[in-house]
Amino acid sequence: MQRPQTISLIGMPGAGKSTVGRLLAQRTGLEFVDSDQLIEARAGAGLQTIVDSRGFMALRALDEQVVLDLPLRGRVVATGGSVIYSRRALQRLHSAGPVIWLRVPLETLRARIGTAPPRGIANPPDSSLEQIHAEREPLCAEAADFSVDAGGQDPGAVVDAILAWLDASQTRPGP
């Protein structure tokens, strides 16, 4: 049984895409890539600096462009949180392999990122975490091939759930 050569992770900031992505890459033998790091390298600035100096739509545009330019094969991709706003980027990710949504309850996100420095979230500056969560949840649900609870279990258990789904989806008969 052969697993996909590209696995993309989507979800809110603080969902654990980078942590889970690194572990998933180790367990699958794929390379890990974090699109937030690629955005920062391309822009020569941190995500929050991009939002502060160029606006949240500039960050969304960079997020999209990084995914459109990124070689995907052989990688686990931890996407930027705003990738779900780009139909083109999502189509590209889907064409390469499954898109996995790391679902995290609002309360858990609040605890994870509430005391952290600003993260450069690509939404209007007056948006609350609650508003962003409410806006993005249905977009993630629509974009995902599979979703996993990443708020109530450790990253290893999240990876186990993803691998179990991948293995099960490989054994299903085709259409």
N, C-alpha and C. Protein backbone atom coordinates (compact mmCIF):
# COMPACT_ATOMS: atom_id res chain seq x y z
N MET A 1 0.86 -1.18 0.00
CA MET A 1 0.00 0.00 0.00
C MET A 1 0.90 1.24 0.00
N GLN A 2 0.61 2.13 -0.91
CA GLN A 2 1.43 3.33 -1.04
C GLN A 2 0.64 4.54 -0.57
N ARG A 3 1.28 5.32 0.28
CA ARG A 3 0.65 6.55 0.77
C ARG A 3 0.89 7.67 -0.23
N PRO A 4 0.10 8.75 -0.10
CA PRO A 4 0.28 9.89 -1.01
C PRO A 4 1.68 10.51 -0.87
N GLN A 5 2.11 11.13 -1.95
CA GLN A 5 3.41 11.79 -1.97
C GLN A 5 3.34 13.25 -1.52
N THR A 6 2.15 13.73 -1.27
CA THR A 6 1.96 15.08 -0.73
C THR A 6 0.79 15.03 0.24
N ILE A 7 1.00 15.61 1.41
CA ILE A 7 -0.05 15.73 2.41
C ILE A 7 -0.03 17.18 2.88
N SER A 8 -1.17 17.85 2.79
CA SER A 8 -1.24 19.26 3.20
C SER A 8 -2.09 19.38 4.45
N LEU A 9 -1.64 20.22 5.36
CA LEU A 9 -2.35 20.48 6.61
C LEU A 9 -2.90 21.89 6.60
N ILE A 10 -4.18 22.02 6.94
CA ILE A 10 -4.81 23.33 7.06
C ILE A 10 -5.38 23.47 8.46
N GLY A 11 -5.66 24.71 8.85
CA GLY A 11 -6.26 24.96 10.15
C GLY A 11 -5.91 26.34 10.65
N MET A 12 -6.48 26.65 11.79
CA MET A 12 -6.27 27.95 12.42
C MET A 12 -4.83 28.10 12.91
N PRO A 13 -4.37 29.35 13.07
CA PRO A 13 -3.11 29.56 13.76
C PRO A 13 -3.21 28.94 15.16
N GLY A 14 -2.19 28.22 15.54
CA GLY A 14 -2.21 27.55 16.84
C GLY A 14 -2.80 26.16 16.81
N ALA A 15 -3.21 25.69 15.62
CA ALA A 15 -3.80 24.35 15.51
C ALA A 15 -2.76 23.25 15.62
N GLY A 16 -1.50 23.59 15.40
CA GLY A 16 -0.44 22.58 15.49
C GLY A 16 0.03 22.07 14.15
N LYS A 17 -0.21 22.84 13.08
CA LYS A 17 0.17 22.39 11.74
C LYS A 17 1.68 22.12 11.65
N SER A 18 2.49 22.99 12.20
CA SER A 18 3.94 22.80 12.12
C SER A 18 4.39 21.62 12.99
N THR A 19 3.88 21.54 14.18
CA THR A 19 4.26 20.45 15.09
C THR A 19 3.83 19.10 14.53
N VAL A 20 2.57 19.00 14.16
CA VAL A 20 2.05 17.75 13.59
C VAL A 20 2.73 17.46 12.25
N GLY A 21 2.93 18.50 11.46
CA GLY A 21 3.56 18.32 10.15
C GLY A 21 4.95 17.74 10.24
N ARG A 22 5.76 18.21 11.18
CA ARG A 22 7.12 17.68 11.34
C ARG A 22 7.07 16.20 11.72
N LEU A 23 6.21 15.88 12.65
CA LEU A 23 6.08 14.49 13.09
C LEU A 23 5.52 13.60 11.97
N LEU A 24 4.54 14.08 11.24
CA LEU A 24 3.96 13.34 10.13
C LEU A 24 5.02 13.10 9.05
N ALA A 25 5.83 14.10 8.78
CA ALA A 25 6.91 13.94 7.79
C ALA A 25 7.90 12.87 8.24
N GLN A 26 8.27 12.87 9.50
CA GLN A 26 9.18 11.85 10.02
C GLN A 26 8.59 10.46 9.85
N ARG A 27 7.31 10.33 10.16
CA ARG A 27 6.66 9.02 10.13
C ARG A 27 6.39 8.52 8.71
N THR A 28 6.30 9.41 7.73
CA THR A 28 6.02 9.01 6.35
C THR A 28 7.25 9.02 5.46
N GLY A 29 8.35 9.59 5.94
CA GLY A 29 9.55 9.70 5.13
C GLY A 29 9.50 10.83 4.12
N LEU A 30 8.50 11.70 4.26
CA LEU A 30 8.39 12.86 3.38
C LEU A 30 9.15 14.04 3.97
N GLU A 31 9.44 15.01 3.14
CA GLU A 31 10.09 16.24 3.60
C GLU A 31 9.02 17.16 4.21
N PHE A 32 9.40 17.89 5.25
CA PHE A 32 8.47 18.85 5.86
C PHE A 32 8.77 20.24 5.33
N VAL A 33 7.69 20.98 5.02
CA VAL A 33 7.85 22.38 4.63
C VAL A 33 6.74 23.20 5.32
N ASP A 34 7.14 24.32 5.87
CA ASP A 34 6.22 25.22 6.57
C ASP A 34 6.07 26.47 5.71
N SER A 35 4.88 26.66 5.14
CA SER A 35 4.70 27.79 4.21
C SER A 35 4.83 29.13 4.92
N ASP A 36 4.53 29.21 6.22
CA ASP A 36 4.74 30.48 6.93
C ASP A 36 6.22 30.88 6.88
N GLN A 37 7.11 29.92 7.04
CA GLN A 37 8.55 30.22 6.96
C GLN A 37 8.94 30.68 5.56
N LEU A 38 8.33 30.06 4.55
CA LEU A 38 8.62 30.47 3.17
C LEU A 38 8.10 31.87 2.89
N ILE A 39 6.94 32.20 3.44
CA ILE A 39 6.39 33.55 3.29
C ILE A 39 7.34 34.56 3.91
N GLU A 40 7.80 34.28 5.12
CA GLU A 40 8.71 35.19 5.81
C GLU A 40 10.02 35.36 5.03
N ALA A 41 10.53 34.26 4.50
CA ALA A 41 11.77 34.34 3.72
C ALA A 41 11.56 35.16 2.45
N ARG A 42 10.45 34.93 1.78
CA ARG A 42 10.16 35.66 0.53
C ARG A 42 9.99 37.15 0.80
N ALA A 43 9.30 37.49 1.89
CA ALA A 43 9.02 38.89 2.21
C ALA A 43 10.16 39.58 2.95
N GLY A 44 11.05 38.79 3.52
CA GLY A 44 12.13 39.36 4.33
C GLY A 44 11.61 39.99 5.61
N ALA A 45 10.49 39.46 6.10
CA ALA A 45 9.86 40.02 7.31
C ALA A 45 8.98 38.95 7.95
N GLY A 46 8.74 39.13 9.24
CA GLY A 46 7.83 38.24 9.95
C GLY A 46 6.39 38.48 9.53
N LEU A 47 5.54 37.50 9.82
CA LEU A 47 4.13 37.60 9.42
C LEU A 47 3.45 38.83 9.99
N GLN A 48 3.68 39.11 11.27
CA GLN A 48 3.04 40.27 11.89
C GLN A 48 3.55 41.57 11.26
N THR A 49 4.83 41.61 10.94
CA THR A 49 5.39 42.80 10.28
C THR A 49 4.74 43.00 8.92
N ILE A 50 4.51 41.92 8.20
CA ILE A 50 3.85 42.02 6.89
C ILE A 50 2.44 42.60 7.06
N VAL A 51 1.69 42.07 8.03
CA VAL A 51 0.34 42.58 8.27
C VAL A 51 0.38 44.05 8.67
N ASP A 52 1.31 44.40 9.57
CA ASP A 52 1.40 45.78 10.06
C ASP A 52 1.81 46.76 8.97
N SER A 53 2.72 46.35 8.10
CA SER A 53 3.26 47.29 7.12
C SER A 53 2.53 47.26 5.77
N ARG A 54 1.99 46.09 5.39
CA ARG A 54 1.39 45.96 4.07
C ARG A 54 -0.10 45.62 4.10
N GLY A 55 -0.57 45.19 5.26
CA GLY A 55 -1.98 44.84 5.39
C GLY A 55 -2.22 43.34 5.29
N PHE A 56 -3.36 42.91 5.82
CA PHE A 56 -3.65 41.48 5.88
C PHE A 56 -3.86 40.86 4.50
N MET A 57 -4.34 41.65 3.54
CA MET A 57 -4.54 41.10 2.19
C MET A 57 -3.20 40.80 1.51
N ALA A 58 -2.17 41.55 1.85
CA ALA A 58 -0.83 41.26 1.32
C ALA A 58 -0.34 39.91 1.84
N LEU A 59 -0.62 39.63 3.10
CA LEU A 59 -0.23 38.34 3.67
C LEU A 59 -1.00 37.21 2.98
N ARG A 60 -2.28 37.41 2.74
CA ARG A 60 -3.07 36.39 2.02
C ARG A 60 -2.50 36.15 0.63
N ALA A 61 -2.12 37.22 -0.06
CA ALA A 61 -1.56 37.08 -1.41
C ALA A 61 -0.24 36.32 -1.38
N LEU A 62 0.59 36.61 -0.39
CA LEU A 62 1.86 35.89 -0.26
C LEU A 62 1.61 34.42 0.06
N ASP A 63 0.65 34.15 0.92
CA ASP A 63 0.30 32.78 1.28
C ASP A 63 -0.10 32.00 0.02
N GLU A 64 -0.96 32.60 -0.79
CA GLU A 64 -1.38 31.97 -2.03
C GLU A 64 -0.20 31.74 -2.97
N GLN A 65 0.62 32.76 -3.16
CA GLN A 65 1.72 32.65 -4.12
C GLN A 65 2.73 31.60 -3.71
N VAL A 66 3.02 31.51 -2.42
CA VAL A 66 3.96 30.49 -1.94
C VAL A 66 3.44 29.10 -2.28
N VAL A 67 2.16 28.85 -2.05
CA VAL A 67 1.59 27.53 -2.36
C VAL A 67 1.59 27.28 -3.86
N LEU A 68 1.31 28.29 -4.65
CA LEU A 68 1.31 28.11 -6.10
C LEU A 68 2.71 27.84 -6.65
N ASP A 69 3.73 28.37 -6.01
CA ASP A 69 5.11 28.22 -6.49
C ASP A 69 5.84 27.01 -5.90
N LEU A 70 5.37 26.49 -4.81
CA LEU A 70 6.06 25.46 -4.03
C LEU A 70 6.05 24.10 -4.73
N PRO A 71 7.21 23.46 -4.88
CA PRO A 71 7.19 22.07 -5.32
C PRO A 71 6.53 21.23 -4.22
N LEU A 72 5.49 20.50 -4.57
CA LEU A 72 4.70 19.79 -3.56
C LEU A 72 5.08 18.32 -3.40
N ARG A 73 5.49 17.68 -4.45
CA ARG A 73 5.72 16.23 -4.41
C ARG A 73 6.77 15.86 -3.36
N GLY A 74 6.43 14.82 -2.59
CA GLY A 74 7.36 14.32 -1.58
C GLY A 74 7.39 15.14 -0.31
N ARG A 75 6.30 15.88 -0.05
CA ARG A 75 6.31 16.79 1.10
C ARG A 75 5.04 16.73 1.93
N VAL A 76 5.22 17.01 3.21
CA VAL A 76 4.13 17.37 4.10
C VAL A 76 4.18 18.88 4.19
N VAL A 77 3.07 19.53 3.84
CA VAL A 77 3.02 20.99 3.80
C VAL A 77 2.14 21.51 4.93
N ALA A 78 2.75 22.26 5.83
CA ALA A 78 1.99 23.01 6.84
C ALA A 78 1.68 24.36 6.20
N THR A 79 0.43 24.54 5.83
CA THR A 79 0.06 25.76 5.11
C THR A 79 -0.12 26.93 6.07
N GLY A 80 -0.08 28.13 5.51
CA GLY A 80 -0.45 29.31 6.27
C GLY A 80 -1.95 29.27 6.50
N GLY A 81 -2.40 29.85 7.60
CA GLY A 81 -3.81 29.79 7.96
C GLY A 81 -4.75 30.39 6.94
N SER A 82 -4.26 31.32 6.13
CA SER A 82 -5.16 31.99 5.18
C SER A 82 -5.23 31.29 3.83
N VAL A 83 -4.56 30.17 3.66
CA VAL A 83 -4.60 29.48 2.37
C VAL A 83 -6.03 29.10 1.99
N ILE A 84 -6.89 28.95 2.98
CA ILE A 84 -8.27 28.54 2.71
C ILE A 84 -9.08 29.61 1.98
N TYR A 85 -8.55 30.82 1.90
CA TYR A 85 -9.23 31.89 1.16
C TYR A 85 -8.90 31.85 -0.33
N SER A 86 -7.96 31.01 -0.72
CA SER A 86 -7.52 30.97 -2.12
C SER A 86 -7.99 29.68 -2.79
N ARG A 87 -8.93 29.81 -3.69
CA ARG A 87 -9.42 28.65 -4.44
C ARG A 87 -8.29 28.04 -5.27
N ARG A 88 -7.47 28.89 -5.87
CA ARG A 88 -6.36 28.40 -6.70
C ARG A 88 -5.37 27.58 -5.88
N ALA A 89 -5.01 28.08 -4.71
CA ALA A 89 -4.06 27.35 -3.86
C ALA A 89 -4.66 26.03 -3.39
N LEU A 90 -5.92 26.04 -3.00
CA LEU A 90 -6.56 24.80 -2.55
C LEU A 90 -6.66 23.79 -3.69
N GLN A 91 -6.97 24.24 -4.89
CA GLN A 91 -7.02 23.32 -6.03
C GLN A 91 -5.66 22.68 -6.26
N ARG A 92 -4.62 23.46 -6.13
CA ARG A 92 -3.27 22.92 -6.33
C ARG A 92 -2.95 21.89 -5.26
N LEU A 93 -3.27 22.21 -4.00
CA LEU A 93 -3.00 21.27 -2.91
C LEU A 93 -3.79 19.97 -3.13
N HIS A 94 -5.06 20.09 -3.48
CA HIS A 94 -5.89 18.90 -3.72
C HIS A 94 -5.37 18.07 -4.89
N SER A 95 -4.85 18.72 -5.91
CA SER A 95 -4.35 17.97 -7.06
C SER A 95 -3.10 17.17 -6.70
N ALA A 96 -2.41 17.57 -5.64
CA ALA A 96 -1.18 16.89 -5.23
C ALA A 96 -1.42 15.78 -4.22
N GLY A 97 -2.50 15.88 -3.44
CA GLY A 97 -2.74 14.87 -2.41
C GLY A 97 -3.81 15.35 -1.45
N PRO A 98 -4.02 14.59 -0.38
CA PRO A 98 -5.08 14.94 0.56
C PRO A 98 -4.78 16.21 1.36
N VAL A 99 -5.87 16.89 1.69
CA VAL A 99 -5.81 18.09 2.53
C VAL A 99 -6.46 17.72 3.86
N ILE A 100 -5.69 17.84 4.93
CA ILE A 100 -6.12 17.43 6.26
C ILE A 100 -6.33 18.67 7.12
N TRP A 101 -7.50 18.77 7.72
CA TRP A 101 -7.84 19.89 8.61
C TRP A 101 -7.57 19.49 10.05
N LEU A 102 -6.72 20.25 10.72
CA LEU A 102 -6.48 20.07 12.15
C LEU A 102 -7.49 20.95 12.88
N ARG A 103 -8.57 20.33 13.35
CA ARG A 103 -9.65 21.03 14.06
C ARG A 103 -9.25 21.26 15.51
N VAL A 104 -9.43 22.47 15.96
CA VAL A 104 -9.13 22.82 17.34
C VAL A 104 -10.24 23.72 17.86
N PRO A 105 -10.81 23.37 19.01
CA PRO A 105 -11.86 24.23 19.58
C PRO A 105 -11.33 25.62 19.92
N LEU A 106 -12.22 26.57 19.84
CA LEU A 106 -11.86 27.96 20.12
C LEU A 106 -11.19 28.12 21.48
N GLU A 107 -11.70 27.46 22.49
CA GLU A 107 -11.14 27.59 23.84
C GLU A 107 -9.67 27.14 23.86
N THR A 108 -9.36 26.07 23.14
CA THR A 108 -7.99 25.57 23.09
C THR A 108 -7.10 26.55 22.34
N LEU A 109 -7.60 27.08 21.23
CA LEU A 109 -6.83 28.08 20.48
C LEU A 109 -6.54 29.30 21.34
N ARG A 110 -7.55 29.73 22.05
CA ARG A 110 -7.38 30.89 22.93
C ARG A 110 -6.27 30.63 23.94
N ALA A 111 -6.24 29.44 24.50
CA ALA A 111 -5.21 29.10 25.48
C ALA A 111 -3.83 29.00 24.82
N ARG A 112 -3.79 28.48 23.62
CA ARG A 112 -2.50 28.30 22.93
C ARG A 112 -1.90 29.60 22.45
N ILE A 113 -2.72 30.49 21.91
CA ILE A 113 -2.15 31.70 21.31
C ILE A 113 -2.52 32.98 22.05
N GLY A 114 -3.35 32.88 23.07
CA GLY A 114 -3.81 34.06 23.78
C GLY A 114 -2.70 34.86 24.44
N THR A 115 -1.67 34.17 24.93
CA THR A 115 -0.59 34.87 25.62
C THR A 115 0.65 35.02 24.75
N ALA A 116 0.59 34.47 23.53
CA ALA A 116 1.73 34.56 22.62
C ALA A 116 1.75 35.93 21.96
N PRO A 117 2.91 36.32 21.43
CA PRO A 117 2.97 37.58 20.69
C PRO A 117 2.09 37.49 19.44
N PRO A 118 1.71 38.63 18.86
CA PRO A 118 0.88 38.61 17.66
C PRO A 118 1.48 37.70 16.59
N ARG A 119 0.61 36.95 15.90
CA ARG A 119 1.06 35.90 14.98
C ARG A 119 0.97 36.30 13.52
N GLY A 120 0.50 37.47 13.21
CA GLY A 120 0.37 37.83 11.81
C GLY A 120 -0.78 37.10 11.15
N ILE A 121 -1.94 37.18 11.75
CA ILE A 121 -3.13 36.52 11.21
C ILE A 121 -3.69 37.38 10.09
N ALA A 122 -3.98 36.73 8.96
CA ALA A 122 -4.40 37.45 7.76
C ALA A 122 -5.90 37.73 7.76
N ASN A 123 -6.31 38.55 8.71
CA ASN A 123 -7.69 39.04 8.82
C ASN A 123 -7.62 40.50 9.22
N PRO A 124 -8.73 41.23 9.03
CA PRO A 124 -8.70 42.63 9.44
C PRO A 124 -8.24 42.76 10.89
N PRO A 125 -7.46 43.83 11.19
CA PRO A 125 -6.86 43.97 12.52
C PRO A 125 -7.87 44.03 13.66
N ASP A 126 -9.09 44.44 13.40
CA ASP A 126 -10.07 44.52 14.48
C ASP A 126 -10.83 43.21 14.68
N SER A 127 -10.46 42.15 13.95
CA SER A 127 -11.12 40.86 14.08
C SER A 127 -10.70 40.17 15.37
N SER A 128 -11.67 39.64 16.08
CA SER A 128 -11.36 38.87 17.28
C SER A 128 -11.05 37.43 16.87
N LEU A 129 -10.41 36.70 17.76
CA LEU A 129 -10.13 35.30 17.51
C LEU A 129 -11.44 34.54 17.27
N GLU A 130 -12.47 34.93 18.01
CA GLU A 130 -13.79 34.29 17.86
C GLU A 130 -14.34 34.52 16.44
N GLN A 131 -14.22 35.75 15.95
CA GLN A 131 -14.70 36.06 14.60
C GLN A 131 -13.91 35.30 13.53
N ILE A 132 -12.61 35.25 13.69
CA ILE A 132 -11.76 34.55 12.73
C ILE A 132 -12.09 33.06 12.73
N HIS A 133 -12.24 32.50 13.91
CA HIS A 133 -12.58 31.08 14.04
C HIS A 133 -13.93 30.79 13.37
N ALA A 134 -14.92 31.62 13.64
CA ALA A 134 -16.25 31.42 13.05
C ALA A 134 -16.21 31.55 11.52
N GLU A 135 -15.39 32.44 11.00
CA GLU A 135 -15.28 32.63 9.56
C GLU A 135 -14.54 31.47 8.89
N ARG A 136 -13.49 31.00 9.52
CA ARG A 136 -12.63 30.01 8.89
C ARG A 136 -13.11 28.56 9.05
N GLU A 137 -13.82 28.26 10.11
CA GLU A 137 -14.27 26.88 10.34
C GLU A 137 -15.01 26.30 9.13
N PRO A 138 -16.04 26.96 8.60
CA PRO A 138 -16.73 26.37 7.46
C PRO A 138 -15.85 26.28 6.21
N LEU A 139 -14.91 27.20 6.05
CA LEU A 139 -14.01 27.14 4.91
C LEU A 139 -13.08 25.93 5.02
N CYS A 140 -12.59 25.69 6.21
CA CYS A 140 -11.74 24.50 6.43
C CYS A 140 -12.54 23.22 6.22
N ALA A 141 -13.75 23.20 6.75
CA ALA A 141 -14.60 22.01 6.60
C ALA A 141 -14.84 21.70 5.13
N GLU A 142 -15.08 22.73 4.35
CA GLU A 142 -15.33 22.54 2.92
C GLU A 142 -14.07 22.11 2.18
N ALA A 143 -12.92 22.62 2.60
CA ALA A 143 -11.66 22.36 1.89
C ALA A 143 -11.05 21.00 2.24
N ALA A 144 -11.39 20.44 3.38
CA ALA A 144 -10.69 19.26 3.88
C ALA A 144 -11.20 17.96 3.27
N ASP A 145 -10.26 17.07 3.00
CA ASP A 145 -10.60 15.69 2.66
C ASP A 145 -10.85 14.88 3.93
N PHE A 146 -10.21 15.30 5.02
CA PHE A 146 -10.31 14.60 6.30
C PHE A 146 -10.05 15.63 7.37
N SER A 147 -10.72 15.49 8.50
CA SER A 147 -10.45 16.38 9.63
C SER A 147 -10.16 15.53 10.85
N VAL A 148 -9.33 16.06 11.70
CA VAL A 148 -8.93 15.36 12.92
C VAL A 148 -8.92 16.36 14.07
N ASP A 149 -9.37 15.90 15.23
CA ASP A 149 -9.34 16.73 16.44
C ASP A 149 -7.90 16.88 16.88
N ALA A 150 -7.38 18.09 16.76
CA ALA A 150 -6.00 18.36 17.15
C ALA A 150 -5.94 19.18 18.43
N GLY A 151 -7.08 19.31 19.10
CA GLY A 151 -7.11 20.11 20.31
C GLY A 151 -7.09 19.29 21.58
N GLY A 152 -7.57 18.07 21.52
CA GLY A 152 -7.72 17.28 22.73
C GLY A 152 -6.77 16.12 22.86
N GLN A 153 -5.80 16.01 21.95
CA GLN A 153 -4.86 14.90 22.02
C GLN A 153 -3.47 15.38 21.64
N ASP A 154 -2.46 14.59 22.03
CA ASP A 154 -1.09 15.00 21.75
C ASP A 154 -0.79 14.83 20.26
N PRO A 155 0.25 15.51 19.76
CA PRO A 155 0.56 15.46 18.32
C PRO A 155 0.76 14.04 17.78
N GLY A 156 1.33 13.16 18.57
CA GLY A 156 1.52 11.78 18.11
C GLY A 156 0.20 11.10 17.83
N ALA A 157 -0.80 11.34 18.66
CA ALA A 157 -2.12 10.75 18.45
C ALA A 157 -2.79 11.36 17.23
N VAL A 158 -2.57 12.63 16.98
CA VAL A 158 -3.11 13.29 15.78
C VAL A 158 -2.49 12.64 14.53
N VAL A 159 -1.19 12.43 14.56
CA VAL A 159 -0.51 11.78 13.43
C VAL A 159 -1.02 10.36 13.25
N ASP A 160 -1.22 9.63 14.35
CA ASP A 160 -1.77 8.26 14.26
C ASP A 160 -3.12 8.27 13.56
N ALA A 161 -3.97 9.24 13.91
CA ALA A 161 -5.30 9.33 13.29
C ALA A 161 -5.19 9.64 11.80
N ILE A 162 -4.27 10.52 11.43
CA ILE A 162 -4.07 10.85 10.02
C ILE A 162 -3.58 9.63 9.26
N LEU A 163 -2.60 8.94 9.81
CA LEU A 163 -2.05 7.76 9.14
C LEU A 163 -3.10 6.65 9.00
N ALA A 164 -3.92 6.47 10.03
CA ALA A 164 -4.98 5.46 9.96
C ALA A 164 -5.96 5.82 8.85
N TRP A 165 -6.31 7.10 8.75
CA TRP A 165 -7.23 7.52 7.67
C TRP A 165 -6.58 7.32 6.30
N LEU A 166 -5.31 7.72 6.17
CA LEU A 166 -4.62 7.55 4.89
C LEU A 166 -4.59 6.08 4.49
N ASP A 167 -4.26 5.20 5.43
CA ASP A 167 -4.20 3.77 5.13
C ASP A 167 -5.58 3.24 4.75
N ALA A 168 -6.61 3.66 5.47
CA ALA A 168 -7.97 3.20 5.17
C ALA A 168 -8.43 3.73 3.82
N SER A 169 -8.08 4.97 3.50
CA SER A 169 -8.53 5.54 2.23
C SER A 169 -7.82 4.90 1.04
N GLN A 170 -6.64 4.33 1.26
CA GLN A 170 -5.92 3.64 0.19
C GLN A 170 -6.51 2.27 -0.12
N THR A 171 -7.24 1.70 0.84
CA THR A 171 -7.77 0.37 0.64
C THR A 171 -9.23 0.38 0.14
N ARG A 172 -9.83 1.56 0.09
CA ARG A 172 -11.20 1.67 -0.41
C ARG A 172 -11.24 1.45 -1.92
N PRO A 173 -12.27 0.78 -2.40
CA PRO A 173 -12.40 0.64 -3.86
C PRO A 173 -12.64 2.00 -4.51
N GLY A 174 -12.16 2.15 -5.71
CA GLY A 174 -12.36 3.40 -6.44
C GLY A 174 -13.80 3.58 -6.88
N PRO A 175 -14.10 4.73 -7.47
CA PRO A 175 -15.48 5.02 -7.90
C PRO A 175 -15.96 4.11 -9.01
